[in-house]
Amino acid sequence: MELKTVGTAGTLESSDVLVTIEPASSGGVDLSLESSVINQYGRQIKATVLETLKRMGVANAKVTVNDHGALDCTIKARVECACCRGCGCDTDGRYPWGGAIQ
């Protein structure tokens, strides 16, 4: 999946996460994580974000995650949505919902 623009998903509400993803010219993923529970779950949040990006085929991106105690399933959903918005899938109605994402 090739990112074309900035994509965001989520809110700053309790039990949610705000994910912002944008294209990066350098190789790899630059991940910035802020979390109210970073000491307890920081490694797990980072692993969940990176795993989701890998599964979606995103190789070059700058990702900012602002977590407020979201569950893993919420983090995955927000990352997927931000990626789809960043690649332009949302403009033509081709969101790959329902398990279509590898």
PDB file of N, CA and C in Angstrom:
ATOM      1  N   MET A   1       0.846  -1.167   0.000  1.00  0.00           N
ATOM      2  CA  MET A   1       0.000   0.000   0.000  1.00  0.00           C
ATOM      3  C   MET A   1       0.897   1.237   0.000  1.00  0.00           C
ATOM      4  N   GLU A   2       0.702   2.102  -0.967  1.00  0.00           N
ATOM      5  CA  GLU A   2       1.507   3.310  -1.076  1.00  0.00           C
ATOM      6  C   GLU A   2       0.727   4.503  -0.542  1.00  0.00           C
ATOM      7  N   LEU A   3       1.308   5.179   0.434  1.00  0.00           N
ATOM      8  CA  LEU A   3       0.675   6.358   1.001  1.00  0.00           C
ATOM      9  C   LEU A   3       0.859   7.539   0.065  1.00  0.00           C
ATOM     10  N   LYS A   4      -0.223   8.301  -0.137  1.00  0.00           N
ATOM     11  CA  LYS A   4      -0.179   9.464  -1.019  1.00  0.00           C
ATOM     12  C   LYS A   4      -0.298  10.766  -0.243  1.00  0.00           C
ATOM     13  N   THR A   5      -0.956  10.721   0.904  1.00  0.00           N
ATOM     14  CA  THR A   5      -1.223  11.914   1.682  1.00  0.00           C
ATOM     15  C   THR A   5      -1.292  11.548   3.160  1.00  0.00           C
ATOM     16  N   VAL A   6      -1.561  12.525   3.992  1.00  0.00           N
ATOM     17  CA  VAL A   6      -1.697  12.278   5.427  1.00  0.00           C
ATOM     18  C   VAL A   6      -3.058  11.641   5.693  1.00  0.00           C
ATOM     19  N   GLY A   7      -3.046  10.593   6.517  1.00  0.00           N
ATOM     20  CA  GLY A   7      -4.286   9.949   6.932  1.00  0.00           C
ATOM     21  C   GLY A   7      -4.368   9.920   8.448  1.00  0.00           C
ATOM     22  N   THR A   8      -5.537  10.225   8.984  1.00  0.00           N
ATOM     23  CA  THR A   8      -5.727  10.183  10.434  1.00  0.00           C
ATOM     24  C   THR A   8      -6.969   9.376  10.766  1.00  0.00           C
ATOM     25  N   ALA A   9      -6.970   8.830  11.967  1.00  0.00           N
ATOM     26  CA  ALA A   9      -8.135   8.103  12.461  1.00  0.00           C
ATOM     27  C   ALA A   9      -8.093   8.106  13.979  1.00  0.00           C
ATOM     28  N   GLY A  10      -9.262   8.180  14.596  1.00  0.00           N
ATOM     29  CA  GLY A  10      -9.358   8.120  16.048  1.00  0.00           C
ATOM     30  C   GLY A  10      -9.613   9.470  16.685  1.00  0.00           C
ATOM     31  N   THR A  11      -9.639   9.455  18.017  1.00  0.00           N
ATOM     32  CA  THR A  11      -9.879  10.659  18.800  1.00  0.00           C
ATOM     33  C   THR A  11      -8.918  10.689  19.983  1.00  0.00           C
ATOM     34  N   LEU A  12      -8.980  11.760  20.733  1.00  0.00           N
ATOM     35  CA  LEU A  12      -8.173  11.890  21.943  1.00  0.00           C
ATOM     36  C   LEU A  12      -8.993  11.576  23.194  1.00  0.00           C
ATOM     37  N   GLU A  13     -10.120  10.917  23.006  1.00  0.00           N
ATOM     38  CA  GLU A  13     -10.974  10.536  24.128  1.00  0.00           C
ATOM     39  C   GLU A  13     -10.367   9.373  24.902  1.00  0.00           C
ATOM     40  N   SER A  14     -10.822   9.192  26.119  1.00  0.00           N
ATOM     41  CA  SER A  14     -10.382   8.069  26.938  1.00  0.00           C
ATOM     42  C   SER A  14     -10.717   6.755  26.246  1.00  0.00           C
ATOM     43  N   SER A  15      -9.829   5.791  26.336  1.00  0.00           N
ATOM     44  CA  SER A  15      -9.978   4.460  25.734  1.00  0.00           C
ATOM     45  C   SER A  15      -9.935   4.481  24.207  1.00  0.00           C
ATOM     46  N   ASP A  16      -9.368   5.525  23.630  1.00  0.00           N
ATOM     47  CA  ASP A  16      -9.229   5.606  22.180  1.00  0.00           C
ATOM     48  C   ASP A  16      -7.780   5.971  21.849  1.00  0.00           C
ATOM     49  N   VAL A  17      -7.482   6.025  20.579  1.00  0.00           N
ATOM     50  CA  VAL A  17      -6.136   6.351  20.109  1.00  0.00           C
ATOM     51  C   VAL A  17      -6.266   7.185  18.840  1.00  0.00           C
ATOM     52  N   LEU A  18      -5.426   8.201  18.707  1.00  0.00           N
ATOM     53  CA  LEU A  18      -5.372   9.016  17.504  1.00  0.00           C
ATOM     54  C   LEU A  18      -4.126   8.614  16.728  1.00  0.00           C
ATOM     55  N   VAL A  19      -4.328   8.143  15.507  1.00  0.00           N
ATOM     56  CA  VAL A  19      -3.228   7.698  14.655  1.00  0.00           C
ATOM     57  C   VAL A  19      -3.129   8.628  13.453  1.00  0.00           C
ATOM     58  N   THR A  20      -1.940   9.148  13.224  1.00  0.00           N
ATOM     59  CA  THR A  20      -1.660   9.975  12.049  1.00  0.00           C
ATOM     60  C   THR A  20      -0.529   9.306  11.287  1.00  0.00           C
ATOM     61  N   ILE A  21      -0.743   9.115   9.991  1.00  0.00           N
ATOM     62  CA  ILE A  21       0.252   8.459   9.159  1.00  0.00           C
ATOM     63  C   ILE A  21       0.479   9.306   7.914  1.00  0.00           C
ATOM     64  N   GLU A  22       1.732   9.464   7.539  1.00  0.00           N
ATOM     65  CA  GLU A  22       2.058  10.242   6.354  1.00  0.00           C
ATOM     66  C   GLU A  22       3.203   9.584   5.610  1.00  0.00           C
ATOM     67  N   PRO A  23       3.289   9.854   4.305  1.00  0.00           N
ATOM     68  CA  PRO A  23       4.368   9.257   3.518  1.00  0.00           C
ATOM     69  C   PRO A  23       5.734   9.740   3.991  1.00  0.00           C
ATOM     70  N   ALA A  24       6.713   8.881   3.897  1.00  0.00           N
ATOM     71  CA  ALA A  24       8.089   9.224   4.256  1.00  0.00           C
ATOM     72  C   ALA A  24       8.988   8.851   3.095  1.00  0.00           C
ATOM     73  N   SER A  25       9.935   9.710   2.807  1.00  0.00           N
ATOM     74  CA  SER A  25      10.835   9.429   1.690  1.00  0.00           C
ATOM     75  C   SER A  25      11.905   8.411   2.068  1.00  0.00           C
ATOM     76  N   SER A  26      12.270   8.398   3.353  1.00  0.00           N
ATOM     77  CA  SER A  26      13.292   7.446   3.782  1.00  0.00           C
ATOM     78  C   SER A  26      12.682   6.064   3.955  1.00  0.00           C
ATOM     79  N   GLY A  27      13.516   5.057   3.840  1.00  0.00           N
ATOM     80  CA  GLY A  27      13.050   3.693   3.991  1.00  0.00           C
ATOM     81  C   GLY A  27      12.695   3.374   5.434  1.00  0.00           C
ATOM     82  N   GLY A  28      11.636   2.660   5.627  1.00  0.00           N
ATOM     83  CA  GLY A  28      11.252   2.233   6.952  1.00  0.00           C
ATOM     84  C   GLY A  28      10.124   3.055   7.552  1.00  0.00           C
ATOM     85  N   VAL A  29       9.787   2.665   8.773  1.00  0.00           N
ATOM     86  CA  VAL A  29       8.702   3.309   9.504  1.00  0.00           C
ATOM     87  C   VAL A  29       9.292   4.084  10.667  1.00  0.00           C
ATOM     88  N   ASP A  30       8.957   5.360  10.735  1.00  0.00           N
ATOM     89  CA  ASP A  30       9.355   6.222  11.842  1.00  0.00           C
ATOM     90  C   ASP A  30       8.140   6.345  12.759  1.00  0.00           C
ATOM     91  N   LEU A  31       8.190   5.689  13.919  1.00  0.00           N
ATOM     92  CA  LEU A  31       7.048   5.631  14.830  1.00  0.00           C
ATOM     93  C   LEU A  31       7.294   6.501  16.049  1.00  0.00           C
ATOM     94  N   SER A  32       6.351   7.407  16.307  1.00  0.00           N
ATOM     95  CA  SER A  32       6.375   8.246  17.495  1.00  0.00           C
ATOM     96  C   SER A  32       5.158   7.877  18.342  1.00  0.00           C
ATOM     97  N   LEU A  33       5.396   7.495  19.598  1.00  0.00           N
ATOM     98  CA  LEU A  33       4.321   7.009  20.466  1.00  0.00           C
ATOM     99  C   LEU A  33       4.222   7.838  21.730  1.00  0.00           C
ATOM    100  N   GLU A  34       3.025   8.333  21.995  1.00  0.00           N
ATOM    101  CA  GLU A  34       2.692   8.966  23.266  1.00  0.00           C
ATOM    102  C   GLU A  34       1.531   8.172  23.843  1.00  0.00           C
ATOM    103  N   SER A  35       1.605   7.871  25.126  1.00  0.00           N
ATOM    104  CA  SER A  35       0.551   7.074  25.736  1.00  0.00           C
ATOM    105  C   SER A  35       0.469   7.341  27.230  1.00  0.00           C
ATOM    106  N   SER A  36      -0.755   7.318  27.747  1.00  0.00           N
ATOM    107  CA  SER A  36      -0.954   7.468  29.183  1.00  0.00           C
ATOM    108  C   SER A  36      -0.562   6.187  29.916  1.00  0.00           C
ATOM    109  N   VAL A  37      -0.395   5.104  29.170  1.00  0.00           N
ATOM    110  CA  VAL A  37      -0.028   3.813  29.770  1.00  0.00           C
ATOM    111  C   VAL A  37       1.260   3.269  29.148  1.00  0.00           C
ATOM    112  N   ILE A  38       2.147   4.178  28.742  1.00  0.00           N
ATOM    113  CA  ILE A  38       3.357   3.759  28.015  1.00  0.00           C
ATOM    114  C   ILE A  38       4.253   2.866  28.871  1.00  0.00           C
ATOM    115  N   ASN A  39       4.313   3.117  30.169  1.00  0.00           N
ATOM    116  CA  ASN A  39       5.174   2.296  31.029  1.00  0.00           C
ATOM    117  C   ASN A  39       4.675   0.858  31.133  1.00  0.00           C
ATOM    118  N   GLN A  40       3.375   0.669  31.093  1.00  0.00           N
ATOM    119  CA  GLN A  40       2.809  -0.672  31.211  1.00  0.00           C
ATOM    120  C   GLN A  40       2.700  -1.382  29.858  1.00  0.00           C
ATOM    121  N   TYR A  41       2.291  -0.645  28.809  1.00  0.00           N
ATOM    122  CA  TYR A  41       1.929  -1.295  27.548  1.00  0.00           C
ATOM    123  C   TYR A  41       2.632  -0.731  26.320  1.00  0.00           C
ATOM    124  N   GLY A  42       3.648   0.098  26.493  1.00  0.00           N
ATOM    125  CA  GLY A  42       4.321   0.730  25.360  1.00  0.00           C
ATOM    126  C   GLY A  42       4.845  -0.247  24.324  1.00  0.00           C
ATOM    127  N   ARG A  43       5.500  -1.310  24.773  1.00  0.00           N
ATOM    128  CA  ARG A  43       6.043  -2.308  23.828  1.00  0.00           C
ATOM    129  C   ARG A  43       4.941  -3.002  23.046  1.00  0.00           C
ATOM    130  N   GLN A  44       3.838  -3.323  23.726  1.00  0.00           N
ATOM    131  CA  GLN A  44       2.721  -3.998  23.061  1.00  0.00           C
ATOM    132  C   GLN A  44       2.046  -3.076  22.047  1.00  0.00           C
ATOM    133  N   ILE A  45       1.869  -1.811  22.389  1.00  0.00           N
ATOM    134  CA  ILE A  45       1.265  -0.856  21.463  1.00  0.00           C
ATOM    135  C   ILE A  45       2.135  -0.725  20.215  1.00  0.00           C
ATOM    136  N   LYS A  46       3.436  -0.564  20.420  1.00  0.00           N
ATOM    137  CA  LYS A  46       4.366  -0.428  19.296  1.00  0.00           C
ATOM    138  C   LYS A  46       4.324  -1.669  18.411  1.00  0.00           C
ATOM    139  N   ALA A  47       4.327  -2.838  19.019  1.00  0.00           N
ATOM    140  CA  ALA A  47       4.285  -4.085  18.254  1.00  0.00           C
ATOM    141  C   ALA A  47       2.985  -4.197  17.452  1.00  0.00           C
ATOM    142  N   THR A  48       1.879  -3.807  18.045  1.00  0.00           N
ATOM    143  CA  THR A  48       0.585  -3.870  17.365  1.00  0.00           C
ATOM    144  C   THR A  48       0.569  -2.942  16.158  1.00  0.00           C
ATOM    145  N   VAL A  49       1.070  -1.724  16.319  1.00  0.00           N
ATOM    146  CA  VAL A  49       1.104  -0.763  15.218  1.00  0.00           C
ATOM    147  C   VAL A  49       1.998  -1.282  14.096  1.00  0.00           C
ATOM    148  N   LEU A  50       3.202  -1.728  14.421  1.00  0.00           N
ATOM    149  CA  LEU A  50       4.135  -2.198  13.399  1.00  0.00           C
ATOM    150  C   LEU A  50       3.628  -3.443  12.686  1.00  0.00           C
ATOM    151  N   GLU A  51       3.012  -4.355  13.424  1.00  0.00           N
ATOM    152  CA  GLU A  51       2.444  -5.564  12.819  1.00  0.00           C
ATOM    153  C   GLU A  51       1.327  -5.205  11.837  1.00  0.00           C
ATOM    154  N   THR A  52       0.484  -4.271  12.222  1.00  0.00           N
ATOM    155  CA  THR A  52      -0.619  -3.862  11.356  1.00  0.00           C
ATOM    156  C   THR A  52      -0.102  -3.184  10.087  1.00  0.00           C
ATOM    157  N   LEU A  53       0.898  -2.325  10.231  1.00  0.00           N
ATOM    158  CA  LEU A  53       1.485  -1.675   9.061  1.00  0.00           C
ATOM    159  C   LEU A  53       2.111  -2.699   8.118  1.00  0.00           C
ATOM    160  N   LYS A  54       2.795  -3.674   8.673  1.00  0.00           N
ATOM    161  CA  LYS A  54       3.417  -4.726   7.860  1.00  0.00           C
ATOM    162  C   LYS A  54       2.355  -5.518   7.115  1.00  0.00           C
ATOM    163  N   ARG A  55       1.281  -5.868   7.813  1.00  0.00           N
ATOM    164  CA  ARG A  55       0.194  -6.637   7.200  1.00  0.00           C
ATOM    165  C   ARG A  55      -0.477  -5.866   6.068  1.00  0.00           C
ATOM    166  N   MET A  56      -0.501  -4.533   6.191  1.00  0.00           N
ATOM    167  CA  MET A  56      -1.128  -3.705   5.167  1.00  0.00           C
ATOM    168  C   MET A  56      -0.159  -3.342   4.038  1.00  0.00           C
ATOM    169  N   GLY A  57       1.100  -3.720   4.194  1.00  0.00           N
ATOM    170  CA  GLY A  57       2.077  -3.467   3.146  1.00  0.00           C
ATOM    171  C   GLY A  57       2.625  -2.052   3.131  1.00  0.00           C
ATOM    172  N   VAL A  58       2.611  -1.387   4.274  1.00  0.00           N
ATOM    173  CA  VAL A  58       3.158  -0.031   4.376  1.00  0.00           C
ATOM    174  C   VAL A  58       4.612  -0.148   4.806  1.00  0.00           C
ATOM    175  N   ALA A  59       5.528   0.295   3.940  1.00  0.00           N
ATOM    176  CA  ALA A  59       6.948   0.149   4.225  1.00  0.00           C
ATOM    177  C   ALA A  59       7.622   1.467   4.582  1.00  0.00           C
ATOM    178  N   ASN A  60       7.132   2.571   4.027  1.00  0.00           N
ATOM    179  CA  ASN A  60       7.732   3.887   4.261  1.00  0.00           C
ATOM    180  C   ASN A  60       6.664   4.824   4.807  1.00  0.00           C
ATOM    181  N   ALA A  61       6.785   5.182   6.082  1.00  0.00           N
ATOM    182  CA  ALA A  61       5.777   6.047   6.677  1.00  0.00           C
ATOM    183  C   ALA A  61       6.298   6.694   7.949  1.00  0.00           C
ATOM    184  N   LYS A  62       5.765   7.863   8.219  1.00  0.00           N
ATOM    185  CA  LYS A  62       5.965   8.509   9.506  1.00  0.00           C
ATOM    186  C   LYS A  62       4.640   8.366  10.248  1.00  0.00           C
ATOM    187  N   VAL A  63       4.680   7.711  11.397  1.00  0.00           N
ATOM    188  CA  VAL A  63       3.462   7.394  12.136  1.00  0.00           C
ATOM    189  C   VAL A  63       3.522   8.034  13.519  1.00  0.00           C
ATOM    190  N   THR A  64       2.454   8.741  13.871  1.00  0.00           N
ATOM    191  CA  THR A  64       2.324   9.323  15.198  1.00  0.00           C
ATOM    192  C   THR A  64       1.117   8.693  15.873  1.00  0.00           C
ATOM    193  N   VAL A  65       1.344   8.141  17.056  1.00  0.00           N
ATOM    194  CA  VAL A  65       0.285   7.472  17.806  1.00  0.00           C
ATOM    195  C   VAL A  65       0.142   8.178  19.154  1.00  0.00           C
ATOM    196  N   ASN A  66      -1.063   8.651  19.438  1.00  0.00           N
ATOM    197  CA  ASN A  66      -1.367   9.294  20.708  1.00  0.00           C
ATOM    198  C   ASN A  66      -2.451   8.458  21.387  1.00  0.00           C
ATOM    199  N   ASP A  67      -2.028   7.601  22.289  1.00  0.00           N
ATOM    200  CA  ASP A  67      -2.903   6.606  22.907  1.00  0.00           C
ATOM    201  C   ASP A  67      -3.421   7.080  24.262  1.00  0.00           C
ATOM    202  N   HIS A  68      -4.684   6.761  24.510  1.00  0.00           N
ATOM    203  CA  HIS A  68      -5.312   7.078  25.797  1.00  0.00           C
ATOM    204  C   HIS A  68      -5.969   5.826  26.376  1.00  0.00           C
ATOM    205  N   GLY A  69      -5.232   4.712  26.318  1.00  0.00           N
ATOM    206  CA  GLY A  69      -5.719   3.473  26.915  1.00  0.00           C
ATOM    207  C   GLY A  69      -6.564   2.615  25.997  1.00  0.00           C
ATOM    208  N   ALA A  70      -6.317   2.673  24.694  1.00  0.00           N
ATOM    209  CA  ALA A  70      -7.094   1.887  23.739  1.00  0.00           C
ATOM    210  C   ALA A  70      -6.705   0.416  23.785  1.00  0.00           C
ATOM    211  N   LEU A  71      -7.672  -0.437  23.499  1.00  0.00           N
ATOM    212  CA  LEU A  71      -7.418  -1.870  23.373  1.00  0.00           C
ATOM    213  C   LEU A  71      -6.715  -2.152  22.046  1.00  0.00           C
ATOM    214  N   ASP A  72      -6.077  -3.320  21.949  1.00  0.00           N
ATOM    215  CA  ASP A  72      -5.360  -3.698  20.723  1.00  0.00           C
ATOM    216  C   ASP A  72      -6.264  -3.659  19.490  1.00  0.00           C
ATOM    217  N   CYS A  73      -7.499  -4.128  19.635  1.00  0.00           N
ATOM    218  CA  CYS A  73      -8.405  -4.153  18.478  1.00  0.00           C
ATOM    219  C   CYS A  73      -8.710  -2.740  17.996  1.00  0.00           C
ATOM    220  N   THR A  74      -8.795  -1.787  18.910  1.00  0.00           N
ATOM    221  CA  THR A  74      -9.030  -0.391  18.538  1.00  0.00           C
ATOM    222  C   THR A  74      -7.807   0.182  17.848  1.00  0.00           C
ATOM    223  N   ILE A  75      -6.626  -0.124  18.360  1.00  0.00           N
ATOM    224  CA  ILE A  75      -5.384   0.356  17.745  1.00  0.00           C
ATOM    225  C   ILE A  75      -5.272  -0.172  16.315  1.00  0.00           C
ATOM    226  N   LYS A  76      -5.532  -1.461  16.119  1.00  0.00           N
ATOM    227  CA  LYS A  76      -5.472  -2.046  14.780  1.00  0.00           C
ATOM    228  C   LYS A  76      -6.456  -1.362  13.832  1.00  0.00           C
ATOM    229  N   ALA A  77      -7.680  -1.159  14.296  1.00  0.00           N
ATOM    230  CA  ALA A  77      -8.705  -0.533  13.457  1.00  0.00           C
ATOM    231  C   ALA A  77      -8.319   0.890  13.082  1.00  0.00           C
ATOM    232  N   ARG A  78      -7.775   1.644  14.017  1.00  0.00           N
ATOM    233  CA  ARG A  78      -7.371   3.029  13.745  1.00  0.00           C
ATOM    234  C   ARG A  78      -6.196   3.086  12.764  1.00  0.00           C
ATOM    235  N   VAL A  79      -5.240   2.184  12.913  1.00  0.00           N
ATOM    236  CA  VAL A  79      -4.097   2.153  11.992  1.00  0.00           C
ATOM    237  C   VAL A  79      -4.575   1.783  10.585  1.00  0.00           C
ATOM    238  N   GLU A  80      -5.432   0.777  10.475  1.00  0.00           N
ATOM    239  CA  GLU A  80      -5.968   0.378   9.175  1.00  0.00           C
ATOM    240  C   GLU A  80      -6.705   1.534   8.507  1.00  0.00           C
ATOM    241  N   CYS A  81      -7.549   2.223   9.268  1.00  0.00           N
ATOM    242  CA  CYS A  81      -8.334   3.327   8.719  1.00  0.00           C
ATOM    243  C   CYS A  81      -7.425   4.475   8.288  1.00  0.00           C
ATOM    244  N   ALA A  82      -6.443   4.831   9.109  1.00  0.00           N
ATOM    245  CA  ALA A  82      -5.515   5.904   8.748  1.00  0.00           C
ATOM    246  C   ALA A  82      -4.751   5.546   7.476  1.00  0.00           C
ATOM    247  N   CYS A  83      -4.351   4.285   7.336  1.00  0.00           N
ATOM    248  CA  CYS A  83      -3.654   3.839   6.128  1.00  0.00           C
ATOM    249  C   CYS A  83      -4.550   3.968   4.899  1.00  0.00           C
ATOM    250  N   CYS A  84      -5.791   3.539   5.014  1.00  0.00           N
ATOM    251  CA  CYS A  84      -6.725   3.632   3.888  1.00  0.00           C
ATOM    252  C   CYS A  84      -6.969   5.084   3.500  1.00  0.00           C
ATOM    253  N   ARG A  85      -7.077   5.955   4.490  1.00  0.00           N
ATOM    254  CA  ARG A  85      -7.257   7.373   4.196  1.00  0.00           C
ATOM    255  C   ARG A  85      -6.005   7.964   3.567  1.00  0.00           C
ATOM    256  N   GLY A  86      -4.841   7.513   3.994  1.00  0.00           N
ATOM    257  CA  GLY A  86      -3.587   8.016   3.461  1.00  0.00           C
ATOM    258  C   GLY A  86      -3.287   7.563   2.049  1.00  0.00           C
ATOM    259  N   CYS A  87      -3.816   6.413   1.660  1.00  0.00           N
ATOM    260  CA  CYS A  87      -3.568   5.921   0.302  1.00  0.00           C
ATOM    261  C   CYS A  87      -4.664   6.341  -0.667  1.00  0.00           C
ATOM    262  N   GLY A  88      -5.728   6.935  -0.155  1.00  0.00           N
ATOM    263  CA  GLY A  88      -6.802   7.407  -1.020  1.00  0.00           C
ATOM    264  C   GLY A  88      -7.917   6.418  -1.227  1.00  0.00           C
ATOM    265  N   CYS A  89      -7.919   5.314  -0.511  1.00  0.00           N
ATOM    266  CA  CYS A  89      -8.978   4.319  -0.661  1.00  0.00           C
ATOM    267  C   CYS A  89     -10.337   4.866  -0.238  1.00  0.00           C
ATOM    268  N   ASP A  90     -10.341   5.875   0.648  1.00  0.00           N
ATOM    269  CA  ASP A  90     -11.608   6.398   1.157  1.00  0.00           C
ATOM    270  C   ASP A  90     -12.319   7.278   0.135  1.00  0.00           C
ATOM    271  N   THR A  91     -11.626   7.781  -0.874  1.00  0.00           N
ATOM    272  CA  THR A  91     -12.264   8.671  -1.844  1.00  0.00           C
ATOM    273  C   THR A  91     -13.083   7.918  -2.877  1.00  0.00           C
ATOM    274  N   ASP A  92     -12.783   6.649  -3.076  1.00  0.00           N
ATOM    275  CA  ASP A  92     -13.533   5.882  -4.072  1.00  0.00           C
ATOM    276  C   ASP A  92     -14.385   4.781  -3.454  1.00  0.00           C
ATOM    277  N   GLY A  93     -14.505   4.791  -2.133  1.00  0.00           N
ATOM    278  CA  GLY A  93     -15.373   3.821  -1.463  1.00  0.00           C
ATOM    279  C   GLY A  93     -14.851   2.409  -1.434  1.00  0.00           C
ATOM    280  N   ARG A  94     -13.562   2.198  -1.614  1.00  0.00           N
ATOM    281  CA  ARG A  94     -13.012   0.846  -1.657  1.00  0.00           C
ATOM    282  C   ARG A  94     -12.322   0.467  -0.355  1.00  0.00           C
ATOM    283  N   TYR A  95     -12.934   0.792   0.769  1.00  0.00           N
ATOM    284  CA  TYR A  95     -12.366   0.337   2.033  1.00  0.00           C
ATOM    285  C   TYR A  95     -12.390  -1.185   2.058  1.00  0.00           C
ATOM    286  N   PRO A  96     -11.289  -1.807   2.387  1.00  0.00           N
ATOM    287  CA  PRO A  96     -11.259  -3.281   2.412  1.00  0.00           C
ATOM    288  C   PRO A  96     -11.789  -3.849   3.739  1.00  0.00           C
ATOM    289  N   TRP A  97     -13.036  -3.591   4.050  1.00  0.00           N
ATOM    290  CA  TRP A  97     -13.621  -4.074   5.299  1.00  0.00           C
ATOM    291  C   TRP A  97     -13.942  -5.566   5.208  1.00  0.00           C
ATOM    292  N   GLY A  98     -14.214  -6.153   6.320  1.00  0.00           N
ATOM    293  CA  GLY A  98     -14.685  -7.530   6.347  1.00  0.00           C
ATOM    294  C   GLY A  98     -13.607  -8.572   6.155  1.00  0.00           C
ATOM    295  N   GLY A  99     -12.405  -8.298   6.592  1.00  0.00           N
ATOM    296  CA  GLY A  99     -11.347  -9.301   6.511  1.00  0.00           C
ATOM    297  C   GLY A  99     -10.604  -9.337   5.198  1.00  0.00           C
ATOM    298  N   ALA A 100     -10.860  -8.360   4.324  1.00  0.00           N
ATOM    299  CA  ALA A 100     -10.196  -8.328   3.025  1.00  0.00           C
ATOM    300  C   ALA A 100      -8.723  -7.934   3.151  1.00  0.00           C
ATOM    301  N   ILE A 101      -8.357  -7.289   4.261  1.00  0.00           N
ATOM    302  CA  ILE A 101      -6.969  -6.912   4.464  1.00  0.00           C
ATOM    303  C   ILE A 101      -6.187  -8.162   4.832  1.00  0.00           C
ATOM    304  N   GLN A 102      -5.063  -8.386   4.157  1.00  0.00           N
ATOM    305  CA  GLN A 102      -4.272  -9.605   4.386  1.00  0.00           C
ATOM    306  C   GLN A 102      -3.798  -9.705   5.796  1.00  0.00           C
TER     307      GLN A 102
END
